[in-house]
Amino acid sequence: MKTLLQIKSSLNGSSGQSSQLSHLFSERWMGENPEGTVVTRDLAQTPVPHLDAERFAAFLTKHSERSEREQSIVAFSDKLIDELRTADVITIGLPMYNLGIPSTLKAYFDHIARAGVTFQYTAHGPQGLLANKPVYILAARGGVYSGTQADSQSGYMKTFLNFIGLTDVQFVYAEGLNMQEDIRSHALLEATKEIKKLAAA
């Protein structure tokens, strides 16, 4: 039985455009995998705490030396990582806020990037420790940024995911959503076509 991990990062929750694209993917995916399971991690509904000194120290402390509070912090991180490990397919709904990724998604990344758990340093540089699997990034943007210097998201997302071992990364862009209606309609139509094709793969 396959599992789809659906990560949503729109501050508008399920009404956000990137969340709607995520829903479309999961709906189509379930049609192809009727015995499958969809696990949803909504970072607006259940935010991941931003990384601070206490949480970072907990990650670095040996298991036998952790306090009860530190054990709780690490257990939460472990749960997020387990969701990634057990998933066969991952989607990330990605809106663009002020030319960057949502801070809630960055906080999530800070909790899944754990030395010795999801990556390790070697003589040849960092090595990801997660088993590779398809990751589909559904990027919704008010303007048109793909392929320009203003697109700070695409390179960062791919680099980070590669860092923890996820190298099969594909993007679906729905851009110009706050521009003219014909541009918006065309962008959503093309994104919908691509999502349906990927979900059926």
N, C-alpha and C. Protein backbone atom coordinates (compact mmCIF):
# COMPACT_ATOMS: atom_id res chain seq x y z
N MET A 1 0.85 -1.20 0.00
CA MET A 1 0.00 0.00 0.00
C MET A 1 0.88 1.24 0.00
N LYS A 2 0.66 2.13 -0.95
CA LYS A 2 1.49 3.32 -1.09
C LYS A 2 0.97 4.45 -0.20
N THR A 3 1.90 5.35 0.14
CA THR A 3 1.56 6.51 0.96
C THR A 3 2.03 7.79 0.29
N LEU A 4 1.15 8.75 0.24
CA LEU A 4 1.46 10.09 -0.26
C LEU A 4 1.55 11.03 0.93
N LEU A 5 2.67 11.72 1.09
CA LEU A 5 2.81 12.77 2.10
C LEU A 5 2.56 14.11 1.43
N GLN A 6 1.54 14.79 1.90
CA GLN A 6 1.13 16.07 1.33
C GLN A 6 1.47 17.18 2.33
N ILE A 7 2.42 18.04 1.95
CA ILE A 7 2.85 19.13 2.82
C ILE A 7 2.27 20.44 2.26
N LYS A 8 1.50 21.12 3.09
CA LYS A 8 0.91 22.40 2.69
C LYS A 8 1.56 23.52 3.49
N SER A 9 1.89 24.62 2.83
CA SER A 9 2.56 25.71 3.54
C SER A 9 1.88 27.07 3.33
N SER A 10 0.70 27.07 2.72
CA SER A 10 -0.02 28.34 2.51
C SER A 10 -0.60 28.85 3.82
N LEU A 11 -0.41 30.13 4.10
CA LEU A 11 -0.97 30.71 5.32
C LEU A 11 -2.50 30.75 5.26
N ASN A 12 -3.05 30.57 4.07
CA ASN A 12 -4.50 30.54 3.89
C ASN A 12 -5.08 29.14 4.04
N GLY A 13 -4.25 28.19 4.46
CA GLY A 13 -4.74 26.84 4.67
C GLY A 13 -5.24 26.22 3.37
N SER A 14 -6.35 25.52 3.47
CA SER A 14 -6.89 24.79 2.32
C SER A 14 -7.40 25.70 1.21
N SER A 15 -7.65 26.98 1.53
CA SER A 15 -8.15 27.90 0.51
C SER A 15 -7.02 28.51 -0.32
N GLY A 16 -5.78 28.33 0.10
CA GLY A 16 -4.65 28.85 -0.66
C GLY A 16 -4.52 28.15 -2.00
N GLN A 17 -4.04 28.86 -3.00
CA GLN A 17 -3.96 28.29 -4.33
C GLN A 17 -3.00 27.10 -4.39
N SER A 18 -1.88 27.18 -3.69
CA SER A 18 -0.95 26.05 -3.68
C SER A 18 -1.56 24.85 -2.98
N SER A 19 -2.39 25.10 -1.96
CA SER A 19 -3.07 24.01 -1.27
C SER A 19 -4.10 23.36 -2.18
N GLN A 20 -4.76 24.15 -3.00
CA GLN A 20 -5.74 23.61 -3.93
C GLN A 20 -5.06 22.74 -4.99
N LEU A 21 -3.88 23.17 -5.41
CA LEU A 21 -3.12 22.35 -6.35
C LEU A 21 -2.70 21.04 -5.69
N SER A 22 -2.34 21.11 -4.41
CA SER A 22 -1.98 19.91 -3.66
C SER A 22 -3.17 18.97 -3.55
N HIS A 23 -4.34 19.55 -3.29
CA HIS A 23 -5.55 18.74 -3.18
C HIS A 23 -5.86 18.05 -4.51
N LEU A 24 -5.68 18.78 -5.60
CA LEU A 24 -5.89 18.21 -6.93
C LEU A 24 -4.97 17.01 -7.14
N PHE A 25 -3.71 17.16 -6.76
CA PHE A 25 -2.76 16.06 -6.92
C PHE A 25 -3.19 14.85 -6.11
N SER A 26 -3.52 15.07 -4.83
CA SER A 26 -3.88 13.94 -3.96
C SER A 26 -5.16 13.27 -4.43
N GLU A 27 -6.10 14.06 -4.93
CA GLU A 27 -7.36 13.52 -5.44
C GLU A 27 -7.09 12.61 -6.64
N ARG A 28 -6.26 13.10 -7.54
CA ARG A 28 -5.91 12.32 -8.73
C ARG A 28 -5.08 11.09 -8.35
N TRP A 29 -4.17 11.26 -7.40
CA TRP A 29 -3.31 10.16 -6.96
C TRP A 29 -4.13 9.05 -6.32
N MET A 30 -5.11 9.43 -5.50
CA MET A 30 -5.96 8.44 -4.87
C MET A 30 -6.79 7.68 -5.90
N GLY A 31 -7.14 8.37 -6.99
CA GLY A 31 -7.86 7.70 -8.07
C GLY A 31 -7.02 6.62 -8.71
N GLU A 32 -5.70 6.84 -8.76
CA GLU A 32 -4.78 5.85 -9.32
C GLU A 32 -4.34 4.82 -8.28
N ASN A 33 -4.45 5.19 -7.00
CA ASN A 33 -4.02 4.30 -5.91
C ASN A 33 -5.13 4.20 -4.87
N PRO A 34 -6.24 3.55 -5.21
CA PRO A 34 -7.41 3.52 -4.32
C PRO A 34 -7.13 2.87 -2.97
N GLU A 35 -6.10 2.05 -2.88
CA GLU A 35 -5.75 1.42 -1.60
C GLU A 35 -4.70 2.23 -0.85
N GLY A 36 -4.31 3.36 -1.42
CA GLY A 36 -3.26 4.17 -0.83
C GLY A 36 -3.73 5.02 0.34
N THR A 37 -2.77 5.69 0.97
CA THR A 37 -3.04 6.56 2.12
C THR A 37 -2.42 7.92 1.87
N VAL A 38 -3.17 8.98 2.20
CA VAL A 38 -2.65 10.34 2.11
C VAL A 38 -2.45 10.87 3.52
N VAL A 39 -1.22 11.26 3.83
CA VAL A 39 -0.89 11.89 5.12
C VAL A 39 -0.68 13.37 4.85
N THR A 40 -1.44 14.22 5.52
CA THR A 40 -1.36 15.67 5.28
C THR A 40 -0.67 16.36 6.44
N ARG A 41 0.32 17.15 6.12
CA ARG A 41 1.01 17.98 7.10
C ARG A 41 0.75 19.44 6.70
N ASP A 42 -0.23 20.07 7.38
CA ASP A 42 -0.62 21.45 7.08
C ASP A 42 0.12 22.37 8.04
N LEU A 43 1.09 23.10 7.52
CA LEU A 43 1.95 23.93 8.35
C LEU A 43 1.30 25.23 8.80
N ALA A 44 0.12 25.54 8.23
CA ALA A 44 -0.64 26.70 8.71
C ALA A 44 -1.54 26.28 9.86
N GLN A 45 -2.17 25.13 9.71
CA GLN A 45 -3.07 24.63 10.74
C GLN A 45 -2.31 24.15 11.98
N THR A 46 -1.17 23.50 11.74
CA THR A 46 -0.34 23.00 12.84
C THR A 46 1.10 23.44 12.58
N PRO A 47 1.45 24.68 12.95
CA PRO A 47 2.79 25.19 12.65
C PRO A 47 3.88 24.44 13.39
N VAL A 48 5.01 24.31 12.74
CA VAL A 48 6.21 23.77 13.38
C VAL A 48 6.93 24.94 14.05
N PRO A 49 7.32 24.80 15.32
CA PRO A 49 8.02 25.91 15.99
C PRO A 49 9.29 26.30 15.24
N HIS A 50 9.59 27.58 15.25
CA HIS A 50 10.83 28.01 14.63
C HIS A 50 12.01 27.54 15.47
N LEU A 51 13.08 27.24 14.79
CA LEU A 51 14.27 26.73 15.47
C LEU A 51 14.85 27.79 16.40
N ASP A 52 15.14 27.38 17.64
CA ASP A 52 15.80 28.27 18.58
C ASP A 52 16.93 27.51 19.26
N ALA A 53 17.63 28.18 20.18
CA ALA A 53 18.81 27.57 20.80
C ALA A 53 18.44 26.30 21.57
N GLU A 54 17.28 26.32 22.24
CA GLU A 54 16.86 25.16 23.02
C GLU A 54 16.63 23.95 22.13
N ARG A 55 15.93 24.15 21.03
CA ARG A 55 15.62 23.03 20.14
C ARG A 55 16.88 22.52 19.45
N PHE A 56 17.73 23.43 19.03
CA PHE A 56 18.97 23.02 18.37
C PHE A 56 19.85 22.22 19.32
N ALA A 57 19.93 22.67 20.57
CA ALA A 57 20.73 21.96 21.57
C ALA A 57 20.18 20.56 21.82
N ALA A 58 18.85 20.43 21.81
CA ALA A 58 18.23 19.11 22.02
C ALA A 58 18.65 18.14 20.93
N PHE A 59 18.71 18.61 19.68
CA PHE A 59 19.12 17.75 18.58
C PHE A 59 20.56 17.25 18.75
N LEU A 60 21.40 18.09 19.36
CA LEU A 60 22.82 17.75 19.49
C LEU A 60 23.14 16.93 20.74
N THR A 61 22.23 16.93 21.70
CA THR A 61 22.47 16.21 22.95
C THR A 61 22.28 14.71 22.75
N LYS A 62 23.17 13.92 23.37
CA LYS A 62 23.06 12.47 23.27
C LYS A 62 21.74 11.99 23.86
N HIS A 63 21.21 10.92 23.28
CA HIS A 63 19.91 10.40 23.70
C HIS A 63 19.86 10.14 25.22
N SER A 64 20.90 9.55 25.75
CA SER A 64 20.92 9.19 27.17
C SER A 64 21.02 10.39 28.09
N GLU A 65 21.39 11.54 27.54
CA GLU A 65 21.60 12.73 28.36
C GLU A 65 20.49 13.77 28.19
N ARG A 66 19.50 13.48 27.38
CA ARG A 66 18.44 14.45 27.14
C ARG A 66 17.48 14.54 28.31
N SER A 67 17.05 15.76 28.59
CA SER A 67 16.02 15.97 29.60
C SER A 67 14.67 15.56 29.03
N GLU A 68 13.66 15.54 29.86
CA GLU A 68 12.32 15.19 29.39
C GLU A 68 11.86 16.16 28.31
N ARG A 69 12.14 17.43 28.53
CA ARG A 69 11.78 18.46 27.56
C ARG A 69 12.52 18.23 26.24
N GLU A 70 13.81 17.93 26.30
CA GLU A 70 14.60 17.69 25.10
C GLU A 70 14.11 16.44 24.37
N GLN A 71 13.73 15.42 25.12
CA GLN A 71 13.20 14.20 24.50
C GLN A 71 11.92 14.50 23.72
N SER A 72 11.09 15.39 24.28
CA SER A 72 9.85 15.78 23.61
C SER A 72 10.13 16.52 22.32
N ILE A 73 11.12 17.40 22.35
CA ILE A 73 11.49 18.17 21.17
C ILE A 73 11.99 17.24 20.06
N VAL A 74 12.86 16.31 20.43
CA VAL A 74 13.42 15.39 19.44
C VAL A 74 12.35 14.43 18.92
N ALA A 75 11.45 14.01 19.79
CA ALA A 75 10.38 13.11 19.36
C ALA A 75 9.51 13.75 18.29
N PHE A 76 9.26 15.05 18.43
CA PHE A 76 8.47 15.77 17.43
C PHE A 76 9.21 15.79 16.09
N SER A 77 10.50 16.08 16.13
CA SER A 77 11.31 16.06 14.92
C SER A 77 11.33 14.67 14.30
N ASP A 78 11.47 13.64 15.14
CA ASP A 78 11.49 12.27 14.65
C ASP A 78 10.19 11.91 13.92
N LYS A 79 9.08 12.41 14.44
CA LYS A 79 7.78 12.14 13.81
C LYS A 79 7.73 12.74 12.40
N LEU A 80 8.22 13.96 12.25
CA LEU A 80 8.25 14.60 10.94
C LEU A 80 9.12 13.80 9.97
N ILE A 81 10.26 13.34 10.46
CA ILE A 81 11.18 12.58 9.62
C ILE A 81 10.59 11.22 9.26
N ASP A 82 9.91 10.59 10.20
CA ASP A 82 9.27 9.31 9.92
C ASP A 82 8.22 9.44 8.82
N GLU A 83 7.51 10.56 8.80
CA GLU A 83 6.52 10.78 7.73
C GLU A 83 7.21 10.80 6.37
N LEU A 84 8.39 11.42 6.31
CA LEU A 84 9.15 11.44 5.06
C LEU A 84 9.65 10.05 4.69
N ARG A 85 10.13 9.32 5.67
CA ARG A 85 10.69 7.99 5.41
C ARG A 85 9.63 7.03 4.88
N THR A 86 8.44 7.06 5.46
CA THR A 86 7.43 6.09 5.11
C THR A 86 6.65 6.46 3.84
N ALA A 87 6.78 7.68 3.39
CA ALA A 87 6.06 8.11 2.18
C ALA A 87 6.71 7.52 0.93
N ASP A 88 5.87 7.21 -0.04
CA ASP A 88 6.35 6.77 -1.35
C ASP A 88 6.44 7.94 -2.32
N VAL A 89 5.59 8.93 -2.08
CA VAL A 89 5.54 10.13 -2.92
C VAL A 89 5.33 11.32 -1.98
N ILE A 90 5.94 12.46 -2.31
CA ILE A 90 5.79 13.67 -1.50
C ILE A 90 5.36 14.83 -2.39
N THR A 91 4.40 15.61 -1.93
CA THR A 91 4.07 16.86 -2.61
C THR A 91 4.26 18.00 -1.61
N ILE A 92 4.72 19.12 -2.12
CA ILE A 92 4.88 20.32 -1.30
C ILE A 92 4.15 21.46 -1.98
N GLY A 93 3.09 21.95 -1.35
CA GLY A 93 2.40 23.13 -1.85
C GLY A 93 3.20 24.35 -1.47
N LEU A 94 3.64 25.11 -2.46
CA LEU A 94 4.61 26.19 -2.21
C LEU A 94 4.14 27.54 -2.74
N PRO A 95 3.56 28.38 -1.88
CA PRO A 95 3.29 29.75 -2.28
C PRO A 95 4.57 30.58 -2.20
N MET A 96 4.58 31.73 -2.83
CA MET A 96 5.73 32.64 -2.73
C MET A 96 5.31 33.86 -1.91
N TYR A 97 6.03 34.09 -0.83
CA TYR A 97 5.79 35.27 0.01
C TYR A 97 7.02 36.15 0.02
N ASN A 98 6.86 37.36 -0.48
CA ASN A 98 7.97 38.33 -0.49
C ASN A 98 9.24 37.72 -1.09
N LEU A 99 9.05 37.03 -2.20
CA LEU A 99 10.13 36.44 -3.01
C LEU A 99 10.81 35.24 -2.35
N GLY A 100 10.24 34.72 -1.27
CA GLY A 100 10.86 33.58 -0.61
C GLY A 100 9.86 32.50 -0.25
N ILE A 101 10.33 31.47 0.44
CA ILE A 101 9.44 30.41 0.89
C ILE A 101 8.77 30.84 2.20
N PRO A 102 7.62 30.27 2.55
CA PRO A 102 6.97 30.61 3.81
C PRO A 102 7.88 30.27 5.00
N SER A 103 7.84 31.11 6.02
CA SER A 103 8.68 30.85 7.19
C SER A 103 8.30 29.55 7.88
N THR A 104 7.03 29.16 7.76
CA THR A 104 6.60 27.89 8.37
C THR A 104 7.26 26.70 7.70
N LEU A 105 7.49 26.81 6.39
CA LEU A 105 8.17 25.73 5.67
C LEU A 105 9.65 25.69 6.05
N LYS A 106 10.25 26.85 6.21
CA LYS A 106 11.66 26.90 6.66
C LYS A 106 11.79 26.27 8.04
N ALA A 107 10.83 26.54 8.93
CA ALA A 107 10.86 25.94 10.26
C ALA A 107 10.75 24.42 10.16
N TYR A 108 9.90 23.96 9.27
CA TYR A 108 9.77 22.52 9.03
C TYR A 108 11.09 21.93 8.56
N PHE A 109 11.73 22.59 7.61
CA PHE A 109 13.02 22.11 7.10
C PHE A 109 14.06 22.05 8.21
N ASP A 110 14.04 23.04 9.10
CA ASP A 110 15.01 23.08 10.19
C ASP A 110 14.82 21.91 11.16
N HIS A 111 13.64 21.32 11.18
CA HIS A 111 13.38 20.19 12.07
C HIS A 111 13.64 18.84 11.41
N ILE A 112 13.77 18.82 10.11
CA ILE A 112 14.04 17.54 9.44
C ILE A 112 15.48 17.44 8.96
N ALA A 113 16.24 18.52 9.04
CA ALA A 113 17.66 18.48 8.70
C ALA A 113 18.44 18.15 9.97
N ARG A 114 18.72 16.87 10.17
CA ARG A 114 19.38 16.41 11.40
C ARG A 114 20.63 15.62 11.05
N ALA A 115 21.77 16.11 11.50
CA ALA A 115 23.04 15.43 11.24
C ALA A 115 23.01 14.03 11.84
N GLY A 116 23.40 13.05 11.04
CA GLY A 116 23.40 11.67 11.48
C GLY A 116 22.05 10.99 11.36
N VAL A 117 21.02 11.76 11.00
CA VAL A 117 19.68 11.21 10.86
C VAL A 117 19.19 11.32 9.42
N THR A 118 19.20 12.53 8.89
CA THR A 118 18.78 12.73 7.49
C THR A 118 19.94 13.13 6.58
N PHE A 119 21.07 13.45 7.16
CA PHE A 119 22.27 13.73 6.36
C PHE A 119 23.50 13.48 7.22
N GLN A 120 24.63 13.32 6.56
CA GLN A 120 25.89 13.18 7.27
C GLN A 120 27.00 13.84 6.46
N TYR A 121 28.03 14.29 7.15
CA TYR A 121 29.17 14.88 6.47
C TYR A 121 30.22 13.79 6.23
N THR A 122 30.75 13.76 5.03
CA THR A 122 31.79 12.80 4.68
C THR A 122 33.01 13.55 4.15
N ALA A 123 34.06 12.81 3.83
CA ALA A 123 35.26 13.43 3.28
C ALA A 123 34.99 14.08 1.93
N HIS A 124 33.88 13.67 1.31
CA HIS A 124 33.54 14.21 -0.01
C HIS A 124 32.37 15.20 0.06
N GLY A 125 32.04 15.61 1.28
CA GLY A 125 30.95 16.57 1.44
C GLY A 125 29.73 15.93 2.06
N PRO A 126 28.63 16.68 2.18
CA PRO A 126 27.43 16.14 2.81
C PRO A 126 26.78 15.04 1.97
N GLN A 127 26.17 14.09 2.66
CA GLN A 127 25.48 12.98 2.01
C GLN A 127 24.10 12.83 2.62
N GLY A 128 23.07 12.82 1.77
CA GLY A 128 21.71 12.64 2.26
C GLY A 128 21.47 11.21 2.68
N LEU A 129 20.69 11.02 3.73
CA LEU A 129 20.44 9.69 4.27
C LEU A 129 19.03 9.18 4.05
N LEU A 130 18.14 10.01 3.52
CA LEU A 130 16.80 9.54 3.23
C LEU A 130 16.78 8.79 1.91
N ALA A 131 15.97 7.73 1.86
CA ALA A 131 15.81 7.00 0.60
C ALA A 131 15.12 7.90 -0.42
N ASN A 132 15.63 7.90 -1.64
CA ASN A 132 15.07 8.78 -2.66
C ASN A 132 13.66 8.36 -3.05
N LYS A 133 12.84 9.33 -3.39
CA LYS A 133 11.46 9.12 -3.84
C LYS A 133 11.01 10.37 -4.56
N PRO A 134 9.95 10.29 -5.37
CA PRO A 134 9.51 11.49 -6.10
C PRO A 134 9.00 12.57 -5.16
N VAL A 135 9.45 13.80 -5.42
CA VAL A 135 8.95 14.98 -4.70
C VAL A 135 8.43 15.96 -5.75
N TYR A 136 7.15 16.30 -5.64
CA TYR A 136 6.55 17.24 -6.58
C TYR A 136 6.26 18.54 -5.84
N ILE A 137 6.86 19.63 -6.33
CA ILE A 137 6.68 20.94 -5.72
C ILE A 137 5.68 21.72 -6.55
N LEU A 138 4.56 22.06 -5.94
CA LEU A 138 3.47 22.74 -6.63
C LEU A 138 3.53 24.22 -6.24
N ALA A 139 4.16 25.00 -7.10
CA ALA A 139 4.48 26.39 -6.78
C ALA A 139 3.45 27.35 -7.36
N ALA A 140 2.77 28.07 -6.49
CA ALA A 140 1.77 29.07 -6.91
C ALA A 140 2.33 30.47 -6.64
N ARG A 141 2.30 31.32 -7.66
CA ARG A 141 2.92 32.64 -7.55
C ARG A 141 2.05 33.71 -8.17
N GLY A 142 2.04 34.87 -7.53
CA GLY A 142 1.25 35.98 -8.06
C GLY A 142 1.84 36.57 -9.32
N GLY A 143 3.18 36.58 -9.40
CA GLY A 143 3.87 37.09 -10.58
C GLY A 143 4.53 35.96 -11.35
N VAL A 144 5.39 36.33 -12.29
CA VAL A 144 6.11 35.35 -13.11
C VAL A 144 7.59 35.45 -12.78
N TYR A 145 8.14 34.41 -12.18
CA TYR A 145 9.51 34.44 -11.69
C TYR A 145 10.39 33.30 -12.19
N SER A 146 9.80 32.21 -12.62
CA SER A 146 10.57 31.03 -13.01
C SER A 146 11.60 31.39 -14.09
N GLY A 147 12.83 30.99 -13.86
CA GLY A 147 13.89 31.25 -14.83
C GLY A 147 14.52 32.61 -14.71
N THR A 148 14.11 33.40 -13.72
CA THR A 148 14.68 34.73 -13.50
C THR A 148 15.48 34.75 -12.21
N GLN A 149 16.27 35.81 -12.01
CA GLN A 149 17.06 35.94 -10.79
C GLN A 149 16.17 36.13 -9.56
N ALA A 150 14.94 36.53 -9.76
CA ALA A 150 14.03 36.75 -8.64
C ALA A 150 13.47 35.45 -8.07
N ASP A 151 13.71 34.35 -8.78
CA ASP A 151 13.21 33.07 -8.30
C ASP A 151 14.20 32.48 -7.30
N SER A 152 14.04 32.85 -6.04
CA SER A 152 14.92 32.34 -4.98
C SER A 152 14.44 31.00 -4.46
N GLN A 153 13.23 30.59 -4.84
CA GLN A 153 12.65 29.37 -4.30
C GLN A 153 13.20 28.09 -4.95
N SER A 154 13.20 28.05 -6.25
CA SER A 154 13.47 26.80 -6.96
C SER A 154 14.83 26.21 -6.62
N GLY A 155 15.88 27.03 -6.69
CA GLY A 155 17.21 26.54 -6.39
C GLY A 155 17.35 26.10 -4.95
N TYR A 156 16.77 26.89 -4.04
CA TYR A 156 16.84 26.54 -2.62
C TYR A 156 16.13 25.23 -2.33
N MET A 157 14.93 25.08 -2.85
CA MET A 157 14.15 23.88 -2.58
C MET A 157 14.89 22.64 -3.09
N LYS A 158 15.40 22.72 -4.30
CA LYS A 158 16.09 21.56 -4.88
C LYS A 158 17.37 21.25 -4.10
N THR A 159 18.13 22.29 -3.74
CA THR A 159 19.37 22.09 -3.00
C THR A 159 19.11 21.47 -1.64
N PHE A 160 18.10 21.97 -0.92
CA PHE A 160 17.81 21.44 0.41
C PHE A 160 17.35 19.98 0.33
N LEU A 161 16.44 19.69 -0.57
CA LEU A 161 15.93 18.32 -0.67
C LEU A 161 17.03 17.35 -1.09
N ASN A 162 17.89 17.78 -2.01
CA ASN A 162 19.04 16.95 -2.40
C ASN A 162 19.95 16.70 -1.20
N PHE A 163 20.07 17.69 -0.34
CA PHE A 163 20.94 17.62 0.83
C PHE A 163 20.56 16.48 1.77
N ILE A 164 19.25 16.19 1.86
CA ILE A 164 18.80 15.12 2.75
C ILE A 164 18.52 13.81 2.00
N GLY A 165 18.85 13.79 0.71
CA GLY A 165 18.76 12.55 -0.05
C GLY A 165 17.64 12.47 -1.07
N LEU A 166 16.83 13.51 -1.15
CA LEU A 166 15.70 13.51 -2.09
C LEU A 166 16.11 14.26 -3.36
N THR A 167 16.50 13.48 -4.37
CA THR A 167 17.03 14.08 -5.59
C THR A 167 16.06 14.04 -6.77
N ASP A 168 14.96 13.28 -6.62
CA ASP A 168 13.96 13.20 -7.69
C ASP A 168 12.92 14.29 -7.45
N VAL A 169 13.28 15.52 -7.81
CA VAL A 169 12.44 16.70 -7.52
C VAL A 169 11.93 17.29 -8.83
N GLN A 170 10.62 17.47 -8.90
CA GLN A 170 10.02 18.11 -10.07
C GLN A 170 9.13 19.27 -9.63
N PHE A 171 9.11 20.31 -10.44
CA PHE A 171 8.32 21.50 -10.14
C PHE A 171 7.14 21.62 -11.09
N VAL A 172 6.03 22.06 -10.55
CA VAL A 172 4.88 22.49 -11.35
C VAL A 172 4.61 23.93 -10.96
N TYR A 173 4.71 24.84 -11.94
CA TYR A 173 4.53 26.26 -11.65
C TYR A 173 3.17 26.76 -12.12
N ALA A 174 2.49 27.48 -11.25
CA ALA A 174 1.29 28.22 -11.62
C ALA A 174 1.61 29.67 -11.32
N GLU A 175 2.01 30.42 -12.36
CA GLU A 175 2.50 31.78 -12.15
C GLU A 175 1.57 32.83 -12.78
N GLY A 176 1.74 34.05 -12.32
CA GLY A 176 0.93 35.15 -12.83
C GLY A 176 -0.49 35.13 -12.30
N LEU A 177 -0.70 34.53 -11.13
CA LEU A 177 -2.06 34.36 -10.61
C LEU A 177 -2.69 35.67 -10.15
N ASN A 178 -1.87 36.70 -9.95
CA ASN A 178 -2.41 38.01 -9.56
C ASN A 178 -2.34 39.01 -10.72
N MET A 179 -2.12 38.49 -11.90
CA MET A 179 -2.04 39.34 -13.08
C MET A 179 -3.38 39.31 -13.82
N GLN A 180 -3.37 39.44 -15.11
CA GLN A 180 -4.63 39.45 -15.87
C GLN A 180 -5.34 38.11 -15.78
N GLU A 181 -6.65 38.14 -15.90
CA GLU A 181 -7.45 36.93 -15.73
C GLU A 181 -7.09 35.86 -16.75
N ASP A 182 -6.77 36.28 -17.99
CA ASP A 182 -6.42 35.28 -18.99
C ASP A 182 -5.10 34.59 -18.66
N ILE A 183 -4.17 35.35 -18.07
CA ILE A 183 -2.88 34.76 -17.66
C ILE A 183 -3.10 33.78 -16.52
N ARG A 184 -3.92 34.18 -15.55
CA ARG A 184 -4.23 33.32 -14.41
C ARG A 184 -4.91 32.02 -14.86
N SER A 185 -5.90 32.17 -15.71
CA SER A 185 -6.65 31.00 -16.18
C SER A 185 -5.76 30.03 -16.94
N HIS A 186 -4.91 30.59 -17.81
CA HIS A 186 -4.02 29.74 -18.60
C HIS A 186 -3.02 29.02 -17.69
N ALA A 187 -2.48 29.75 -16.69
CA ALA A 187 -1.49 29.16 -15.77
C ALA A 187 -2.10 28.01 -14.98
N LEU A 188 -3.31 28.20 -14.48
CA LEU A 188 -3.96 27.14 -13.71
C LEU A 188 -4.34 25.95 -14.58
N LEU A 189 -4.73 26.22 -15.81
CA LEU A 189 -5.08 25.14 -16.73
C LEU A 189 -3.86 24.29 -17.03
N GLU A 190 -2.73 24.93 -17.32
CA GLU A 190 -1.51 24.19 -17.64
C GLU A 190 -0.99 23.43 -16.42
N ALA A 191 -1.08 24.06 -15.24
CA ALA A 191 -0.64 23.39 -14.02
C ALA A 191 -1.51 22.18 -13.72
N THR A 192 -2.81 22.32 -13.95
CA THR A 192 -3.75 21.22 -13.72
C THR A 192 -3.43 20.04 -14.63
N LYS A 193 -3.16 20.32 -15.89
CA LYS A 193 -2.80 19.26 -16.83
C LYS A 193 -1.55 18.51 -16.38
N GLU A 194 -0.55 19.27 -15.96
CA GLU A 194 0.71 18.66 -15.57
C GLU A 194 0.55 17.84 -14.29
N ILE A 195 -0.22 18.37 -13.35
CA ILE A 195 -0.45 17.66 -12.08
C ILE A 195 -1.15 16.35 -12.32
N LYS A 196 -2.18 16.36 -13.15
CA LYS A 196 -2.91 15.13 -13.44
C LYS A 196 -2.02 14.08 -14.09
N LYS A 197 -1.11 14.54 -14.93
CA LYS A 197 -0.18 13.62 -15.59
C LYS A 197 0.81 13.02 -14.60
N LEU A 198 1.35 13.86 -13.72
CA LEU A 198 2.32 13.39 -12.74
C LEU A 198 1.69 12.46 -11.71
N ALA A 199 0.47 12.79 -11.29
CA ALA A 199 -0.20 11.97 -10.28
C ALA A 199 -0.54 10.58 -10.81
N ALA A 200 -0.67 10.48 -12.12
CA ALA A 200 -1.02 9.20 -12.74
C ALA A 200 0.20 8.38 -13.08
N ALA A 201 1.39 8.95 -12.90
CA ALA A 201 2.63 8.25 -13.28
C ALA A 201 2.90 7.07 -12.37
